[in-house]
């Protein structure tokens, strides 16, 4: 995985964090409590993105 871009949108007591992989243009979003620090937010979004990327590669391998 190359660089990952992150976007943060605060919505009240929560933050929507989107992780974007620029090469594939695949993105994943999570909603986390605003009380988390930015590093914790990034970890949650990155886990989700990795899951989506792995799931996509598994489905392509089953053809």
PDB file of N, CA and C in Angstrom:
ATOM      1  N   UNK A   1       0.847  -1.174   0.000  1.00  0.00           N
ATOM      2  CA  UNK A   1       0.000   0.000   0.000  1.00  0.00           C
ATOM      3  C   UNK A   1       0.888   1.232   0.000  1.00  0.00           C
ATOM      4  N   UNK A   2       0.585   2.172  -0.862  1.00  0.00           N
ATOM      5  CA  UNK A   2       1.350   3.406  -0.932  1.00  0.00           C
ATOM      6  C   UNK A   2       0.822   4.396   0.095  1.00  0.00           C
ATOM      7  N   UNK A   3       0.890   5.662  -0.222  1.00  0.00           N
ATOM      8  CA  UNK A   3       0.385   6.656   0.719  1.00  0.00           C
ATOM      9  C   UNK A   3      -1.133   6.545   0.866  1.00  0.00           C
ATOM     10  N   UNK A   4      -1.623   6.934   2.000  1.00  0.00           N
ATOM     11  CA  UNK A   4      -3.060   6.938   2.270  1.00  0.00           C
ATOM     12  C   UNK A   4      -3.456   8.358   2.657  1.00  0.00           C
ATOM     13  N   UNK A   5      -4.535   8.831   2.082  1.00  0.00           N
ATOM     14  CA  UNK A   5      -5.054  10.150   2.402  1.00  0.00           C
ATOM     15  C   UNK A   5      -6.194   9.997   3.405  1.00  0.00           C
ATOM     16  N   UNK A   6      -6.296  10.953   4.337  1.00  0.00           N
ATOM     17  CA  UNK A   6      -7.347  10.914   5.338  1.00  0.00           C
ATOM     18  C   UNK A   6      -8.150  12.204   5.302  1.00  0.00           C
ATOM     19  N   UNK A   7      -9.458  12.058   5.471  1.00  0.00           N
ATOM     20  CA  UNK A   7     -10.361  13.205   5.545  1.00  0.00           C
ATOM     21  C   UNK A   7     -11.158  13.087   6.835  1.00  0.00           C
ATOM     22  N   UNK A   8     -11.292  14.193   7.554  1.00  0.00           N
ATOM     23  CA  UNK A   8     -12.003  14.211   8.832  1.00  0.00           C
ATOM     24  C   UNK A   8     -13.155  15.203   8.746  1.00  0.00           C
ATOM     25  N   UNK A   9     -14.364  14.725   9.082  1.00  0.00           N
ATOM     26  CA  UNK A   9     -15.536  15.602   9.113  1.00  0.00           C
ATOM     27  C   UNK A   9     -16.213  15.409  10.461  1.00  0.00           C
ATOM     28  N   UNK A  10     -16.194  16.464  11.260  1.00  0.00           N
ATOM     29  CA  UNK A  10     -16.804  16.374  12.587  1.00  0.00           C
ATOM     30  C   UNK A  10     -18.309  16.595  12.470  1.00  0.00           C
ATOM     31  N   UNK A  11     -19.054  15.728  13.161  1.00  0.00           N
ATOM     32  CA  UNK A  11     -20.515  15.815  13.178  1.00  0.00           C
ATOM     33  C   UNK A  11     -20.957  15.663  14.628  1.00  0.00           C
ATOM     34  N   UNK A  12     -21.030  16.755  15.347  1.00  0.00           N
ATOM     35  CA  UNK A  12     -21.411  16.708  16.759  1.00  0.00           C
ATOM     36  C   UNK A  12     -20.353  16.011  17.587  1.00  0.00           C
ATOM     37  N   UNK A  13     -20.748  14.949  18.276  1.00  0.00           N
ATOM     38  CA  UNK A  13     -19.829  14.197  19.136  1.00  0.00           C
ATOM     39  C   UNK A  13     -19.073  13.110  18.389  1.00  0.00           C
ATOM     40  N   UNK A  14     -19.212  13.069  17.085  1.00  0.00           N
ATOM     41  CA  UNK A  14     -18.576  12.038  16.281  1.00  0.00           C
ATOM     42  C   UNK A  14     -17.781  12.656  15.139  1.00  0.00           C
ATOM     43  N   UNK A  15     -16.864  11.869  14.598  1.00  0.00           N
ATOM     44  CA  UNK A  15     -16.069  12.293  13.447  1.00  0.00           C
ATOM     45  C   UNK A  15     -16.148  11.196  12.397  1.00  0.00           C
ATOM     46  N   UNK A  16     -16.472  11.583  11.176  1.00  0.00           N
ATOM     47  CA  UNK A  16     -16.434  10.651  10.060  1.00  0.00           C
ATOM     48  C   UNK A  16     -15.024  10.734   9.470  1.00  0.00           C
ATOM     49  N   UNK A  17     -14.317   9.615   9.492  1.00  0.00           N
ATOM     50  CA  UNK A  17     -12.951   9.558   8.984  1.00  0.00           C
ATOM     51  C   UNK A  17     -12.954   8.704   7.718  1.00  0.00           C
ATOM     52  N   UNK A  18     -12.434   9.265   6.642  1.00  0.00           N
ATOM     53  CA  UNK A  18     -12.356   8.543   5.385  1.00  0.00           C
ATOM     54  C   UNK A  18     -10.887   8.339   5.031  1.00  0.00           C
ATOM     55  N   UNK A  19     -10.516   7.099   4.752  1.00  0.00           N
ATOM     56  CA  UNK A  19      -9.170   6.755   4.300  1.00  0.00           C
ATOM     57  C   UNK A  19      -9.260   6.459   2.806  1.00  0.00           C
ATOM     58  N   UNK A  20      -8.365   7.068   2.030  1.00  0.00           N
ATOM     59  CA  UNK A  20      -8.409   6.934   0.574  1.00  0.00           C
ATOM     60  C   UNK A  20      -7.062   6.432   0.073  1.00  0.00           C
ATOM     61  N   UNK A  21      -7.089   5.376  -0.743  1.00  0.00           N
ATOM     62  CA  UNK A  21      -5.885   4.855  -1.385  1.00  0.00           C
ATOM     63  C   UNK A  21      -5.876   5.452  -2.788  1.00  0.00           C
ATOM     64  N   UNK A  22      -4.987   6.436  -3.057  1.00  0.00           N
ATOM     65  CA  UNK A  22      -5.056   7.189  -4.312  1.00  0.00           C
ATOM     66  C   UNK A  22      -4.846   6.366  -5.578  1.00  0.00           C
ATOM     67  N   UNK A  23      -4.024   5.330  -5.547  1.00  0.00           N
ATOM     68  CA  UNK A  23      -3.754   4.553  -6.765  1.00  0.00           C
ATOM     69  C   UNK A  23      -4.988   3.815  -7.256  1.00  0.00           C
ATOM     70  N   UNK A  24      -5.736   3.208  -6.340  1.00  0.00           N
ATOM     71  CA  UNK A  24      -6.928   2.455  -6.723  1.00  0.00           C
ATOM     72  C   UNK A  24      -8.195   3.292  -6.607  1.00  0.00           C
ATOM     73  N   UNK A  25      -8.095   4.441  -5.934  1.00  0.00           N
ATOM     74  CA  UNK A  25      -9.233   5.325  -5.645  1.00  0.00           C
ATOM     75  C   UNK A  25     -10.294   4.628  -4.812  1.00  0.00           C
ATOM     76  N   UNK A  26      -9.865   3.652  -4.025  1.00  0.00           N
ATOM     77  CA  UNK A  26     -10.774   2.975  -3.108  1.00  0.00           C
ATOM     78  C   UNK A  26     -10.750   3.729  -1.794  1.00  0.00           C
ATOM     79  N   UNK A  27     -11.917   3.895  -1.203  1.00  0.00           N
ATOM     80  CA  UNK A  27     -11.989   4.603   0.070  1.00  0.00           C
ATOM     81  C   UNK A  27     -12.851   3.838   1.054  1.00  0.00           C
ATOM     82  N   UNK A  28     -12.593   4.105   2.329  1.00  0.00           N
ATOM     83  CA  UNK A  28     -13.355   3.480   3.404  1.00  0.00           C
ATOM     84  C   UNK A  28     -13.610   4.525   4.468  1.00  0.00           C
ATOM     85  N   UNK A  29     -14.809   4.533   5.009  1.00  0.00           N
ATOM     86  CA  UNK A  29     -15.168   5.496   6.045  1.00  0.00           C
ATOM     87  C   UNK A  29     -15.591   4.790   7.314  1.00  0.00           C
ATOM     88  N   UNK A  30     -15.280   5.419   8.432  1.00  0.00           N
ATOM     89  CA  UNK A  30     -15.745   4.965   9.737  1.00  0.00           C
ATOM     90  C   UNK A  30     -16.228   6.189  10.503  1.00  0.00           C
ATOM     91  N   UNK A  31     -17.123   5.952  11.427  1.00  0.00           N
ATOM     92  CA  UNK A  31     -17.585   7.013  12.318  1.00  0.00           C
ATOM     93  C   UNK A  31     -17.097   6.654  13.715  1.00  0.00           C
ATOM     94  N   UNK A  32     -16.344   7.576  14.309  1.00  0.00           N
ATOM     95  CA  UNK A  32     -15.720   7.317  15.603  1.00  0.00           C
ATOM     96  C   UNK A  32     -16.050   8.454  16.559  1.00  0.00           C
ATOM     97  N   UNK A  33     -15.948   8.211  17.865  1.00  0.00           N
ATOM     98  CA  UNK A  33     -16.180   9.282  18.828  1.00  0.00           C
ATOM     99  C   UNK A  33     -15.158  10.411  18.653  1.00  0.00           C
ATOM    100  N   UNK A  34     -15.608  11.636  18.804  1.00  0.00           N
ATOM    101  CA  UNK A  34     -14.723  12.787  18.666  1.00  0.00           C
ATOM    102  C   UNK A  34     -13.669  12.828  19.772  1.00  0.00           C
ATOM    103  N   UNK A  35     -13.873  12.075  20.846  1.00  0.00           N
ATOM    104  CA  UNK A  35     -12.931  12.056  21.963  1.00  0.00           C
ATOM    105  C   UNK A  35     -11.629  11.331  21.616  1.00  0.00           C
ATOM    106  N   UNK A  36     -11.632  10.506  20.567  1.00  0.00           N
ATOM    107  CA  UNK A  36     -10.409   9.816  20.168  1.00  0.00           C
ATOM    108  C   UNK A  36      -9.405  10.829  19.623  1.00  0.00           C
ATOM    109  N   UNK A  37      -8.109  10.521  19.772  1.00  0.00           N
ATOM    110  CA  UNK A  37      -7.118  11.410  19.159  1.00  0.00           C
ATOM    111  C   UNK A  37      -6.992  11.054  17.682  1.00  0.00           C
ATOM    112  N   UNK A  38      -6.321  11.912  16.939  1.00  0.00           N
ATOM    113  CA  UNK A  38      -6.260  11.740  15.491  1.00  0.00           C
ATOM    114  C   UNK A  38      -5.589  10.424  15.092  1.00  0.00           C
ATOM    115  N   UNK A  39      -4.576  10.009  15.815  1.00  0.00           N
ATOM    116  CA  UNK A  39      -3.893   8.750  15.500  1.00  0.00           C
ATOM    117  C   UNK A  39      -4.844   7.560  15.656  1.00  0.00           C
ATOM    118  N   UNK A  40      -5.655   7.555  16.723  1.00  0.00           N
ATOM    119  CA  UNK A  40      -6.613   6.476  16.932  1.00  0.00           C
ATOM    120  C   UNK A  40      -7.666   6.454  15.821  1.00  0.00           C
ATOM    121  N   UNK A  41      -8.066   7.651  15.379  1.00  0.00           N
ATOM    122  CA  UNK A  41      -9.036   7.740  14.286  1.00  0.00           C
ATOM    123  C   UNK A  41      -8.449   7.167  13.002  1.00  0.00           C
ATOM    124  N   UNK A  42      -7.190   7.506  12.719  1.00  0.00           N
ATOM    125  CA  UNK A  42      -6.520   7.014  11.516  1.00  0.00           C
ATOM    126  C   UNK A  42      -6.419   5.491  11.536  1.00  0.00           C
ATOM    127  N   UNK A  43      -6.103   4.928  12.689  1.00  0.00           N
ATOM    128  CA  UNK A  43      -5.968   3.469  12.811  1.00  0.00           C
ATOM    129  C   UNK A  43      -7.287   2.784  12.464  1.00  0.00           C
ATOM    130  N   UNK A  44      -8.394   3.304  12.977  1.00  0.00           N
ATOM    131  CA  UNK A  44      -9.704   2.702  12.699  1.00  0.00           C
ATOM    132  C   UNK A  44     -10.031   2.753  11.206  1.00  0.00           C
ATOM    133  N   UNK A  45      -9.801   3.917  10.585  1.00  0.00           N
ATOM    134  CA  UNK A  45     -10.103   4.052   9.159  1.00  0.00           C
ATOM    135  C   UNK A  45      -9.174   3.181   8.311  1.00  0.00           C
ATOM    136  N   UNK A  46      -7.915   3.092   8.704  1.00  0.00           N
ATOM    137  CA  UNK A  46      -6.954   2.279   7.960  1.00  0.00           C
ATOM    138  C   UNK A  46      -7.296   0.788   8.047  1.00  0.00           C
ATOM    139  N   UNK A  47      -7.746   0.335   9.204  1.00  0.00           N
ATOM    140  CA  UNK A  47      -8.175  -1.061   9.347  1.00  0.00           C
ATOM    141  C   UNK A  47      -9.323  -1.374   8.396  1.00  0.00           C
ATOM    142  N   UNK A  48     -10.260  -0.461   8.321  1.00  0.00           N
ATOM    143  CA  UNK A  48     -11.412  -0.647   7.434  1.00  0.00           C
ATOM    144  C   UNK A  48     -10.972  -0.685   5.971  1.00  0.00           C
ATOM    145  N   UNK A  49     -10.069   0.225   5.597  1.00  0.00           N
ATOM    146  CA  UNK A  49      -9.575   0.271   4.226  1.00  0.00           C
ATOM    147  C   UNK A  49      -8.829  -1.015   3.876  1.00  0.00           C
ATOM    148  N   UNK A  50      -7.983  -1.495   4.775  1.00  0.00           N
ATOM    149  CA  UNK A  50      -7.255  -2.744   4.527  1.00  0.00           C
ATOM    150  C   UNK A  50      -8.232  -3.903   4.339  1.00  0.00           C
ATOM    151  N   UNK A  51      -9.280  -3.946   5.147  1.00  0.00           N
ATOM    152  CA  UNK A  51     -10.293  -4.995   5.025  1.00  0.00           C
ATOM    153  C   UNK A  51     -10.929  -4.956   3.636  1.00  0.00           C
ATOM    154  N   UNK A  52     -11.290  -3.779   3.182  1.00  0.00           N
ATOM    155  CA  UNK A  52     -11.939  -3.640   1.877  1.00  0.00           C
ATOM    156  C   UNK A  52     -10.984  -4.025   0.756  1.00  0.00           C
ATOM    157  N   UNK A  53      -9.731  -3.605   0.852  1.00  0.00           N
ATOM    158  CA  UNK A  53      -8.747  -3.945  -0.174  1.00  0.00           C
ATOM    159  C   UNK A  53      -8.504  -5.453  -0.224  1.00  0.00           C
ATOM    160  N   UNK A  54      -8.398  -6.090   0.941  1.00  0.00           N
ATOM    161  CA  UNK A  54      -8.181  -7.541   0.985  1.00  0.00           C
ATOM    162  C   UNK A  54      -9.398  -8.289   0.465  1.00  0.00           C
ATOM    163  N   UNK A  55     -10.576  -7.822   0.822  1.00  0.00           N
ATOM    164  CA  UNK A  55     -11.803  -8.465   0.356  1.00  0.00           C
ATOM    165  C   UNK A  55     -11.898  -8.381  -1.168  1.00  0.00           C
ATOM    166  N   UNK A  56     -11.526  -7.250  -1.721  1.00  0.00           N
ATOM    167  CA  UNK A  56     -11.552  -7.076  -3.174  1.00  0.00           C
ATOM    168  C   UNK A  56     -10.565  -7.981  -3.872  1.00  0.00           C
ATOM    169  N   UNK A  57      -9.377  -8.142  -3.303  1.00  0.00           N
ATOM    170  CA  UNK A  57      -8.374  -9.008  -3.938  1.00  0.00           C
ATOM    171  C   UNK A  57      -8.777 -10.476  -3.811  1.00  0.00           C
ATOM    172  N   UNK A  58      -9.448 -10.845  -2.728  1.00  0.00           N
ATOM    173  CA  UNK A  58      -9.938 -12.222  -2.571  1.00  0.00           C
ATOM    174  C   UNK A  58     -11.003 -12.543  -3.623  1.00  0.00           C
ATOM    175  N   UNK A  59     -11.893 -11.597  -3.863  1.00  0.00           N
ATOM    176  CA  UNK A  59     -12.968 -11.821  -4.847  1.00  0.00           C
ATOM    177  C   UNK A  59     -12.415 -11.921  -6.244  1.00  0.00           C
ATOM    178  N   UNK A  60     -11.363 -11.156  -6.562  1.00  0.00           N
ATOM    179  CA  UNK A  60     -10.768 -11.219  -7.892  1.00  0.00           C
ATOM    180  C   UNK A  60     -10.048 -12.538  -8.104  1.00  0.00           C
ATOM    181  N   UNK A  61      -9.499 -13.101  -7.027  1.00  0.00           N
ATOM    182  CA  UNK A  61      -8.791 -14.373  -7.136  1.00  0.00           C
ATOM    183  C   UNK A  61      -9.705 -15.554  -7.327  1.00  0.00           C
ATOM    184  N   UNK A  62     -10.994 -15.400  -7.090  1.00  0.00           N
ATOM    185  CA  UNK A  62     -11.952 -16.504  -7.182  1.00  0.00           C
ATOM    186  C   UNK A  62     -12.560 -16.657  -8.563  1.00  0.00           C
ATOM    187  N   UNK A  63     -12.180 -15.833  -9.505  1.00  0.00           N
ATOM    188  CA  UNK A  63     -12.786 -15.890 -10.842  1.00  0.00           C
ATOM    189  C   UNK A  63     -12.389 -17.114 -11.596  1.00  0.00           C
TER     190      UNK A  63
END
